[in-house]
């Protein structure tokens, strides 16, 4: 039984596979957003390069386990997607759908265009195409020998049109051609619905092969209506084996059992995907198998009460079916000290899936800061020069580091250390004021030998605090030096 679009959306919105959360105060979809929300407001666009950002749903753009259904159903559509505006698109040289696993995993770009709903199956009450039913009574304006052009003109005016009066194949094809000439997507869709019901699929597919505009609208209609069986037949008839393979691959979205999903994905490896898509699919299988091992081991440790970390930070969701970045975050949070040979080791995961240095750094920083493991945070920045000196080095600008640490409630003494590493003096002072890094501000004003600034800042610190005493000492010292001179 064909589901309506609203039914599908209700199913996916009600899915039990919610995003993983590490936030003790929230039970909603917070997992990766909570971990990486700092990435959404990076102050420098350049710092975002090669770092996956995480959407509200908890799935990072580019994850190898990104939902095909969610990708197709949410947000603006791309130029290659099988959905079209109501008006005719003049550039019809290519009819390829543009779908591939890699394009789905890499996210969506492009302008938004209107979608075409399933007129026959959509029970939401939306009107997408003109009415094509036979009128209840023969009115005066419905009597006569209509040409295909007359029918199209009436449909564009929103009037009822009994298309069943066009019985000959030649008339039906002329009707389709006139609808395309009218450059009206709704009329084209209405005619296609009629042809789909009145012609065999072999005849319909054969005629549409030379009519790219109508073919693209049929792709859109079948995709929107969820008629995957006919869409698969259409792909095969046109020799589009990769599109047919992707359509079959989509079936894994309805499989909730991890073992059955793994076996189904393995069976998809024999389909005719592109080489790049084959790599993506193998990675997805590998990630799910790794998640199954981690989940089984951690569930047993959690139930046995032997692992202190699970007692201190209880797991709020299963790691199964989570995206790659979420899995990395999980391993950095619960298994950071694991040896590299362990399947739950963050380094093992990084090497196995070729995660970039910047992505790994941001994920590990967020996870260890969330757990308040400041020694681990400090170790992430440690770098030894060829002369043997140790200094702090980061693939991110230090102002971004400060933002991530602040979002994870880092104490002032931790923040102050990294604020002091910001290169730009103005940005460094702005951050020091914002995060109340008093020592950094006071020392800077002392180096400026600016008594006025010190006096002004004294009124901003807490009375009786160490910062106030430090300012008083500096002011008294400057007075004594002035008297001696």
Protein backbone atom coordinates (compact mmCIF):
# COMPACT_ATOMS: atom_id res chain seq x y z
CA UNK A 1 0.00 0.00 0.00
CA UNK A 2 1.46 3.35 -1.04
CA UNK A 3 2.06 5.78 1.81
CA UNK A 4 1.36 9.44 1.50
CA UNK A 5 4.14 11.96 2.03
CA UNK A 6 2.60 13.04 5.34
CA UNK A 7 2.54 9.43 6.52
CA UNK A 8 6.21 9.02 5.61
CA UNK A 9 7.17 12.20 7.44
CA UNK A 10 5.24 11.06 10.50
CA UNK A 11 7.06 7.71 10.41
CA UNK A 12 10.54 9.24 10.20
CA UNK A 13 9.80 11.91 12.79
CA UNK A 14 8.63 9.17 15.13
CA UNK A 15 11.68 6.96 14.56
CA UNK A 16 13.22 5.55 17.71
CA UNK A 17 16.72 6.26 16.43
CA UNK A 18 17.18 9.60 18.08
CA UNK A 19 20.45 11.45 18.14
CA UNK A 20 22.92 10.57 20.89
CA UNK A 21 23.11 12.99 23.79
CA UNK A 22 25.82 13.53 26.36
CA UNK A 23 24.04 16.39 28.09
CA UNK A 24 22.69 15.35 31.50
CA UNK A 25 20.07 18.10 31.52
CA UNK A 26 18.53 17.44 28.10
CA UNK A 27 16.66 14.39 26.87
CA UNK A 28 15.86 15.79 23.44
CA UNK A 29 17.83 15.57 20.20
CA UNK A 30 21.06 17.16 21.46
CA UNK A 31 23.88 14.65 20.81
CA UNK A 32 26.10 16.05 18.17
CA UNK A 33 24.56 19.52 18.36
CA UNK A 34 25.51 19.71 22.03
CA UNK A 35 28.97 18.41 21.26
CA UNK A 36 29.66 20.57 18.24
CA UNK A 37 27.32 23.54 18.59
CA UNK A 38 30.38 25.75 18.77
CA UNK A 39 31.02 25.01 15.12
CA UNK A 40 27.79 26.72 14.06
CA UNK A 41 29.15 30.13 15.04
CA UNK A 42 32.80 29.97 14.11
CA UNK A 43 34.05 33.55 13.87
CA UNK A 44 36.15 32.90 10.80
CA UNK A 45 34.74 31.19 7.71
CA UNK A 46 38.20 29.87 6.92
CA UNK A 47 38.21 27.84 10.10
CA UNK A 48 35.29 25.74 8.85
CA UNK A 49 37.15 24.22 5.94
CA UNK A 50 37.32 20.43 6.10
CA UNK A 51 35.32 20.31 9.35
CA UNK A 52 31.91 18.69 9.34
CA UNK A 53 29.13 20.73 10.87
CA UNK A 54 26.26 19.01 12.59
CA UNK A 55 22.61 19.75 11.93
CA UNK A 56 19.83 19.94 14.52
CA UNK A 57 18.92 16.31 13.73
CA UNK A 58 22.36 15.27 14.93
CA UNK A 59 23.62 14.08 11.55
CA UNK A 60 26.70 15.80 10.15
CA UNK A 61 26.72 16.92 6.56
CA UNK A 62 28.92 14.37 4.85
CA UNK A 63 28.37 11.46 7.23
CA UNK A 64 28.46 8.12 5.48
CA UNK A 65 25.31 7.07 7.31
CA UNK A 66 23.28 10.11 6.33
CA UNK A 67 19.66 9.21 5.69
CA UNK A 68 18.73 9.15 2.03
CA UNK A 69 15.10 9.79 2.89
CA UNK A 70 15.96 12.72 5.15
CA UNK A 71 18.29 14.11 2.51
CA UNK A 72 15.61 13.88 -0.16
CA UNK A 73 12.75 15.15 1.99
CA UNK A 74 14.24 18.03 3.96
CA UNK A 75 15.57 21.40 2.93
CA UNK A 76 16.08 22.86 -0.52
CA UNK A 77 16.58 20.53 -3.47
CA UNK A 78 19.53 20.55 -5.82
CA UNK A 79 19.64 21.07 -9.54
CA UNK A 80 20.08 17.35 -10.13
CA UNK A 81 17.19 16.28 -7.99
CA UNK A 82 14.07 14.97 -9.67
CA UNK A 83 11.73 17.82 -8.77
CA UNK A 84 10.84 20.77 -10.94
CA UNK A 85 9.34 24.24 -10.86
CA UNK A 86 5.91 24.81 -12.28
CA UNK A 87 7.43 26.50 -15.32
CA UNK A 88 9.40 24.92 -18.13
CA UNK A 89 13.16 24.55 -17.72
CA UNK A 90 14.88 25.44 -20.97
CA UNK A 91 18.06 23.49 -20.20
CA UNK A 92 16.93 19.93 -20.89
CA UNK A 93 19.94 18.51 -22.65
CA UNK A 94 20.68 16.15 -19.74
CA UNK A 95 17.98 14.02 -18.22
CA UNK A 96 20.15 12.26 -15.64
CA UNK A 97 18.81 12.42 -12.10
CA UNK A 98 22.22 13.23 -10.64
CA UNK A 99 21.69 10.93 -7.69
CA UNK A 100 24.63 9.09 -6.16
CA UNK A 101 25.56 7.89 -2.71
CA UNK A 102 28.46 10.32 -2.55
CA UNK A 103 26.28 13.30 -3.48
CA UNK A 104 23.79 12.36 -0.79
CA UNK A 105 26.51 11.93 1.81
CA UNK A 106 28.06 15.30 0.93
CA UNK A 107 24.86 17.21 1.59
CA UNK A 108 22.74 19.54 -0.51
CA UNK A 109 23.45 22.81 -2.25
CA UNK A 110 21.45 24.95 -4.61
CA UNK A 111 18.34 27.03 -4.90
CA UNK A 112 14.97 25.86 -3.73
CA UNK A 113 12.44 24.75 -6.32
CA UNK A 114 8.83 23.69 -6.00
CA UNK A 115 8.02 20.02 -5.44
CA UNK A 116 5.26 18.05 -7.14
CA UNK A 117 3.01 16.02 -4.86
CA UNK A 118 1.22 12.79 -5.58
CA UNK A 119 -2.23 13.83 -6.72
CA UNK A 120 -3.70 10.38 -6.45
CA UNK A 121 -2.07 9.35 -3.17
CA UNK A 122 -1.65 12.54 -1.18
CA UNK A 123 -4.46 12.86 1.35
CA UNK A 124 -3.25 16.12 2.81
CA UNK A 125 -5.62 18.09 0.60
CA UNK A 126 -2.94 19.78 -1.53
CA UNK A 127 -3.94 20.57 -5.12
CA UNK A 128 -0.99 20.09 -7.44
CA UNK A 129 -2.53 19.45 -10.85
CA UNK A 130 -5.80 20.49 -12.47
CA UNK A 131 -8.78 18.23 -11.96
CA UNK A 132 -8.89 15.43 -14.54
CA UNK A 133 -11.98 13.50 -13.44
CA UNK A 134 -15.05 13.16 -15.66
CA UNK A 135 -17.59 15.89 -14.83
CA UNK A 136 -20.75 14.81 -13.04
CA UNK A 137 -22.97 16.48 -15.65
CA UNK A 138 -22.45 17.42 -19.28
CA UNK A 139 -22.50 21.19 -19.19
CA UNK A 140 -22.63 23.32 -22.27
CA UNK A 141 -18.93 24.22 -22.18
CA UNK A 142 -17.95 20.55 -21.99
CA UNK A 143 -19.72 19.59 -25.18
CA UNK A 144 -17.80 19.51 -28.42
CA UNK A 145 -14.85 17.96 -30.18
CA UNK A 146 -11.83 19.23 -28.25
CA UNK A 147 -8.34 19.27 -29.62
CA UNK A 148 -5.36 18.55 -27.33
CA UNK A 149 -4.60 22.26 -27.36
CA UNK A 150 -8.14 23.06 -26.21
CA UNK A 151 -7.78 20.60 -23.33
CA UNK A 152 -4.46 22.09 -22.26
CA UNK A 153 -5.89 25.62 -22.36
CA UNK A 154 -8.79 24.58 -20.13
CA UNK A 155 -6.46 22.82 -17.67
CA UNK A 156 -4.32 25.94 -17.40
CA UNK A 157 -7.47 27.84 -16.43
CA UNK A 158 -8.20 25.30 -13.68
CA UNK A 159 -11.32 23.92 -15.36
CA UNK A 160 -12.36 20.24 -15.20
CA UNK A 161 -11.15 18.23 -18.18
CA UNK A 162 -12.32 14.64 -18.92
CA UNK A 163 -9.07 13.41 -20.46
CA UNK A 164 -10.58 9.97 -21.01
CA UNK A 165 -12.08 11.31 -24.26
CA UNK A 166 -8.56 11.07 -25.77
CA UNK A 167 -8.45 7.37 -26.65
CA UNK A 168 -6.03 7.11 -29.55
CA UNK A 169 -2.31 6.92 -28.79
CA UNK A 170 -1.58 9.68 -31.26
CA UNK A 171 -4.01 12.04 -29.51
CA UNK A 172 -2.56 11.23 -26.10
CA UNK A 173 0.94 11.99 -27.30
CA UNK A 174 -0.20 15.24 -28.89
CA UNK A 175 -1.84 16.12 -25.56
CA UNK A 176 1.48 15.51 -23.80
CA UNK A 177 3.42 17.57 -26.34
CA UNK A 178 0.99 20.49 -26.06
CA UNK A 179 1.30 20.43 -22.25
CA UNK A 180 5.08 20.65 -22.56
CA UNK A 181 4.75 23.52 -25.06
CA UNK A 182 2.56 25.32 -22.51
CA UNK A 183 5.50 25.34 -20.09
CA UNK A 184 3.18 24.55 -17.17
CA UNK A 185 4.48 21.92 -14.77
CA UNK A 186 1.10 21.23 -13.20
CA UNK A 187 -0.51 20.51 -16.57
CA UNK A 188 2.37 18.22 -17.56
CA UNK A 189 1.97 16.31 -14.31
CA UNK A 190 -1.80 15.95 -14.80
CA UNK A 191 -1.33 14.57 -18.31
CA UNK A 192 1.35 12.15 -17.10
CA UNK A 193 -1.00 10.83 -14.43
CA UNK A 194 -3.58 10.18 -17.14
CA UNK A 195 -1.05 8.46 -19.41
CA UNK A 196 0.28 6.37 -16.54
CA UNK A 197 -3.24 5.01 -16.01
CA UNK A 198 -4.18 4.57 -19.66
CA UNK A 199 -0.96 3.26 -21.29
CA UNK A 200 1.17 0.24 -20.67
CA UNK A 201 4.48 1.10 -19.07
CA UNK A 202 6.40 -0.27 -22.07
CA UNK A 203 4.62 2.15 -24.42
CA UNK A 204 4.83 5.04 -21.94
CA UNK A 205 8.54 4.57 -21.28
CA UNK A 206 9.30 4.20 -24.98
CA UNK A 207 7.56 7.47 -25.87
CA UNK A 208 9.05 9.40 -22.94
CA UNK A 209 12.58 8.41 -23.92
CA UNK A 210 12.45 11.05 -26.67
CA UNK A 211 10.65 13.61 -24.50
CA UNK A 212 13.14 14.71 -21.81
CA UNK A 213 10.92 17.37 -20.26
CA UNK A 214 8.03 15.01 -19.70
CA UNK A 215 10.46 12.34 -18.53
CA UNK A 216 11.88 14.61 -15.85
CA UNK A 217 8.38 15.41 -14.60
CA UNK A 218 7.56 11.71 -14.43
CA UNK A 219 10.69 11.13 -12.35
CA UNK A 220 9.51 13.86 -10.00
CA UNK A 221 5.99 12.51 -9.78
CA UNK A 222 7.02 8.90 -9.11
CA UNK A 223 9.58 10.02 -6.53
CA UNK A 224 7.09 12.26 -4.71
CA UNK A 225 4.33 9.65 -4.80
CA UNK A 226 6.61 6.89 -3.51
CA UNK A 227 5.94 4.59 -6.48
CA UNK A 228 9.39 3.01 -6.22
CA UNK A 229 8.40 -0.12 -8.17
CA UNK A 230 7.45 1.81 -11.31
CA UNK A 231 10.40 4.16 -10.83
CA UNK A 232 12.75 1.18 -10.72
CA UNK A 233 11.19 -0.20 -13.92
CA UNK A 234 11.69 3.18 -15.56
CA UNK A 235 15.35 3.30 -14.53
CA UNK A 236 15.95 -0.18 -15.89
CA UNK A 237 14.16 0.59 -19.14
CA UNK A 238 16.43 3.60 -19.65
CA UNK A 239 19.58 1.68 -18.69
CA UNK A 240 20.23 3.84 -15.63
CA UNK A 241 21.65 1.11 -13.48
CA UNK A 242 23.18 3.39 -10.83
CA UNK A 243 19.85 5.11 -10.19
CA UNK A 244 18.15 1.72 -9.92
CA UNK A 245 20.84 0.59 -7.46
CA UNK A 246 20.37 3.69 -5.31
CA UNK A 247 16.61 3.18 -5.28
CA UNK A 248 17.13 -0.36 -3.99
CA UNK A 249 19.65 0.89 -1.44
CA UNK A 250 17.00 3.20 0.05
CA UNK A 251 15.17 0.15 1.41
CA UNK A 252 17.71 -0.09 4.25
CA UNK A 253 16.05 2.94 5.84
CA UNK A 254 13.08 0.85 6.89
CA UNK A 255 15.25 -1.84 8.52
CA UNK A 256 15.64 -1.27 12.26
CA UNK A 257 17.44 -4.49 13.24
CA UNK A 258 21.18 -3.84 12.98
CA UNK A 259 22.05 -7.37 11.83
CA UNK A 260 19.44 -7.37 9.09
CA UNK A 261 20.53 -3.89 8.03
CA UNK A 262 24.16 -4.96 7.90
CA UNK A 263 23.29 -8.01 5.75
CA UNK A 264 21.13 -5.90 3.45
CA UNK A 265 23.89 -3.32 2.97
CA UNK A 266 26.36 -6.08 2.22
CA UNK A 267 24.02 -7.39 -0.46
CA UNK A 268 23.98 -3.91 -1.99
CA UNK A 269 27.72 -4.19 -2.63
CA UNK A 270 26.94 -6.37 -5.64
CA UNK A 271 24.84 -3.63 -7.27
CA UNK A 272 26.22 -1.45 -10.05
CA UNK A 273 27.27 1.63 -8.11
CA UNK A 274 30.03 3.93 -9.22
CA UNK A 275 33.50 3.23 -7.75
CA UNK A 276 33.17 6.23 -5.40
CA UNK A 277 29.78 5.02 -4.19
CA UNK A 278 31.14 1.52 -3.64
CA UNK A 279 33.73 2.99 -1.27
CA UNK A 280 31.02 4.91 0.60
CA UNK A 281 28.91 1.77 0.93
CA UNK A 282 31.79 -0.33 2.20
CA UNK A 283 32.54 2.36 4.77
CA UNK A 284 28.92 2.33 5.88
CA UNK A 285 29.00 -1.43 6.38
CA UNK A 286 32.31 -1.19 8.22
CA UNK A 287 31.01 1.57 10.50
CA UNK A 288 27.86 -0.36 11.39
CA UNK A 289 29.87 -3.50 12.18
CA UNK A 290 32.18 -1.47 14.41
CA UNK A 291 29.20 0.11 16.16
CA UNK A 292 27.71 -3.35 16.81
CA UNK A 293 30.94 -4.46 18.52
CA UNK A 294 31.20 -1.27 20.59
CA UNK A 295 27.53 -1.39 21.57
CA UNK A 296 27.66 -5.03 22.70
CA UNK A 297 30.79 -4.47 24.77
CA UNK A 298 29.64 -1.20 26.35
CA UNK A 299 26.14 -2.45 27.12
CA UNK A 300 27.60 -5.42 28.98
CA UNK A 301 30.04 -3.19 30.90
CA UNK A 302 27.27 -0.74 31.76
CA UNK A 303 24.89 -3.42 33.01
CA UNK A 304 27.68 -5.09 34.99
CA UNK A 305 28.44 -1.83 36.80
CA UNK A 306 32.18 -2.42 36.49
CA UNK A 307 32.99 0.55 34.28
CA UNK A 308 33.13 3.73 36.37
CA UNK A 309 32.73 6.04 33.38
CA UNK A 310 29.28 4.61 32.59
CA UNK A 311 28.24 5.18 36.18
CA UNK A 312 29.52 8.75 36.13
CA UNK A 313 28.24 9.54 32.63
CA UNK A 314 25.31 7.21 31.85
CA UNK A 315 24.64 6.52 28.19
CA UNK A 316 21.33 7.96 27.03
CA UNK A 317 21.11 6.21 23.66
CA UNK A 318 22.60 3.40 21.62
CA UNK A 319 25.56 4.10 19.38
CA UNK A 320 24.02 1.95 16.65
CA UNK A 321 23.13 3.67 13.35
CA UNK A 322 24.84 6.89 14.43
CA UNK A 323 26.89 8.99 11.95
CA UNK A 324 30.66 8.72 11.72
CA UNK A 325 31.40 11.97 13.59
CA UNK A 326 28.99 11.02 16.37
CA UNK A 327 30.72 7.64 16.67
CA UNK A 328 34.10 9.39 16.89
CA UNK A 329 32.75 11.71 19.57
CA UNK A 330 31.41 8.72 21.51
CA UNK A 331 34.79 6.96 21.37
CA UNK A 332 36.61 10.16 22.41
CA UNK A 333 34.21 10.51 25.33
CA UNK A 334 34.10 6.94 26.63
CA UNK A 335 37.22 5.27 25.19
CA UNK A 336 39.81 8.01 24.88
CA UNK A 337 42.57 6.04 26.59
CA UNK A 338 42.06 2.84 24.60
CA UNK A 339 45.16 1.47 22.79
CA UNK A 340 45.22 2.10 19.07
CA UNK A 341 44.68 -1.57 18.27
CA UNK A 342 41.26 -1.55 19.95
CA UNK A 343 38.19 -1.21 17.70
CA UNK A 344 36.80 1.48 20.06
CA UNK A 345 40.01 3.53 20.03
CA UNK A 346 39.53 7.05 18.58
CA UNK A 347 42.85 6.74 16.76
CA UNK A 348 41.79 3.40 15.28
CA UNK A 349 38.57 4.98 14.07
CA UNK A 350 40.46 7.96 12.67
CA UNK A 351 42.85 5.79 10.70
CA UNK A 352 40.17 3.36 9.52
CA UNK A 353 37.98 6.10 8.03
CA UNK A 354 40.69 8.62 7.10
CA UNK A 355 39.29 11.39 9.28
CA UNK A 356 41.12 14.67 8.75
CA UNK A 357 43.38 16.14 11.42
CA UNK A 358 41.14 19.16 11.94
CA UNK A 359 37.94 17.08 12.22
CA UNK A 360 39.58 14.73 14.71
CA UNK A 361 40.99 17.63 16.72
CA UNK A 362 37.64 19.42 17.01
CA UNK A 363 35.81 16.21 17.95
CA UNK A 364 38.36 15.18 20.57
CA UNK A 365 38.52 18.71 21.99
CA UNK A 366 34.74 18.89 22.35
CA UNK A 367 34.49 15.43 23.93
CA UNK A 368 37.30 15.90 26.46
CA UNK A 369 36.11 19.42 27.35
CA UNK A 370 32.59 18.07 27.88
CA UNK A 371 34.04 15.57 30.36
CA UNK A 372 36.13 18.31 32.05
CA UNK A 373 39.33 16.39 31.33
CA UNK A 374 41.54 19.44 31.13
CA UNK A 375 44.76 17.44 31.12
CA UNK A 376 43.64 15.66 27.96
CA UNK A 377 42.67 19.01 26.47
CA UNK A 378 46.09 20.42 27.25
CA UNK A 379 47.79 17.35 25.75
CA UNK A 380 45.96 17.89 22.45
CA UNK A 381 47.90 21.13 21.96
CA UNK A 382 51.32 19.89 23.04
CA UNK A 383 53.92 20.11 20.29
CA UNK A 384 57.67 19.64 20.65
CA UNK A 385 60.02 21.60 18.38
CA UNK A 386 63.20 20.14 16.92
CA UNK A 387 65.15 21.96 19.64
CA UNK A 388 63.18 20.11 22.29
CA UNK A 389 61.00 23.01 23.39
CA UNK A 390 57.32 22.35 24.10
CA UNK A 391 54.75 24.78 22.76
CA UNK A 392 51.03 24.78 22.08
CA UNK A 393 49.93 24.23 18.49
CA UNK A 394 46.40 24.03 17.07
CA UNK A 395 44.90 23.34 13.61
CA UNK A 396 42.17 25.81 14.64
CA UNK A 397 42.56 29.48 15.44
CA UNK A 398 42.83 29.86 19.21
CA UNK A 399 39.80 32.16 19.31
CA UNK A 400 37.76 29.18 18.03
CA UNK A 401 39.35 26.98 20.68
CA UNK A 402 38.32 29.49 23.35
CA UNK A 403 34.75 29.45 22.06
CA UNK A 404 34.56 25.64 22.21
CA UNK A 405 36.02 25.56 25.73
CA UNK A 406 33.65 28.28 26.92
CA UNK A 407 30.65 26.39 25.57
CA UNK A 408 31.76 23.42 27.60
CA UNK A 409 32.00 25.51 30.79
CA UNK A 410 35.76 25.57 31.08
CA UNK A 411 37.02 27.37 34.24
CA UNK A 412 38.61 30.80 33.93
CA UNK A 413 42.17 29.61 34.49
CA UNK A 414 41.81 27.21 31.52
CA UNK A 415 40.20 29.81 29.29
CA UNK A 416 42.82 32.40 30.20
CA UNK A 417 45.65 30.21 29.00
CA UNK A 418 44.14 29.89 25.51
CA UNK A 419 42.90 33.47 25.31
CA UNK A 420 46.51 34.49 25.81
CA UNK A 421 47.47 32.52 22.69
CA UNK A 422 45.18 34.49 20.36
CA UNK A 423 47.41 36.30 17.86
CA UNK A 424 45.40 39.45 17.25
CA UNK A 425 45.82 41.86 20.17
CA UNK A 426 42.38 43.46 19.85
CA UNK A 427 40.64 40.08 19.63
CA UNK A 428 42.69 38.82 22.58
CA UNK A 429 41.64 41.74 24.78
CA UNK A 430 38.00 41.46 23.70
CA UNK A 431 37.97 37.79 24.68
CA UNK A 432 39.77 38.50 27.96
CA UNK A 433 37.09 41.05 28.88
CA UNK A 434 34.28 38.75 27.75
CA UNK A 435 35.46 35.75 29.78
CA UNK A 436 36.71 37.81 32.76
CA UNK A 437 40.32 36.75 32.42
CA UNK A 438 41.39 39.44 34.91
CA UNK A 439 45.07 38.57 35.13
CA UNK A 440 45.45 38.80 31.36
CA UNK A 441 43.73 42.20 31.21
CA UNK A 442 45.65 43.59 34.18
CA UNK A 443 49.02 42.40 32.90
CA UNK A 444 48.31 43.93 29.50
CA UNK A 445 47.42 47.31 31.03
CA UNK A 446 50.52 47.07 33.21
CA UNK A 447 52.68 46.54 30.13
CA UNK A 448 51.00 49.57 28.56
CA UNK A 449 51.86 51.52 31.75
CA UNK A 450 48.39 52.98 31.54
CA UNK A 451 47.22 54.01 35.02
CA UNK A 452 43.91 55.29 33.69
CA UNK A 453 42.98 51.91 32.20
CA UNK A 454 43.93 50.15 35.42
CA UNK A 455 41.74 52.49 37.46
CA UNK A 456 38.85 51.96 35.07
CA UNK A 457 39.18 48.19 35.19
CA UNK A 458 39.37 48.22 39.00
CA UNK A 459 35.71 49.22 39.06
CA UNK A 460 34.78 46.16 37.00
CA UNK A 461 36.30 43.47 39.25
CA UNK A 462 34.73 42.13 42.42
CA UNK A 463 35.48 44.09 45.58
CA UNK A 464 38.04 42.35 47.79
CA UNK A 465 39.01 39.93 45.03
CA UNK A 466 42.56 38.93 44.15
CA UNK A 467 42.22 40.95 40.94
CA UNK A 468 41.41 44.12 42.90
CA UNK A 469 44.38 43.58 45.22
CA UNK A 470 46.65 43.03 42.21
CA UNK A 471 45.51 46.31 40.65
CA UNK A 472 46.01 48.16 43.95
CA UNK A 473 49.54 46.79 44.28
CA UNK A 474 50.38 47.94 40.75
CA UNK A 475 48.92 51.39 41.38
CA UNK A 476 50.79 51.76 44.67
CA UNK A 477 53.99 50.59 43.03
CA UNK A 478 53.65 53.17 40.26
CA UNK A 479 53.08 55.93 42.87
CA UNK A 480 56.22 54.95 44.77
CA UNK A 481 58.30 54.90 41.57
CA UNK A 482 56.98 58.35 40.67
CA UNK A 483 57.96 59.78 44.09
CA UNK A 484 61.45 58.32 43.92
CA UNK A 485 61.99 59.83 40.52
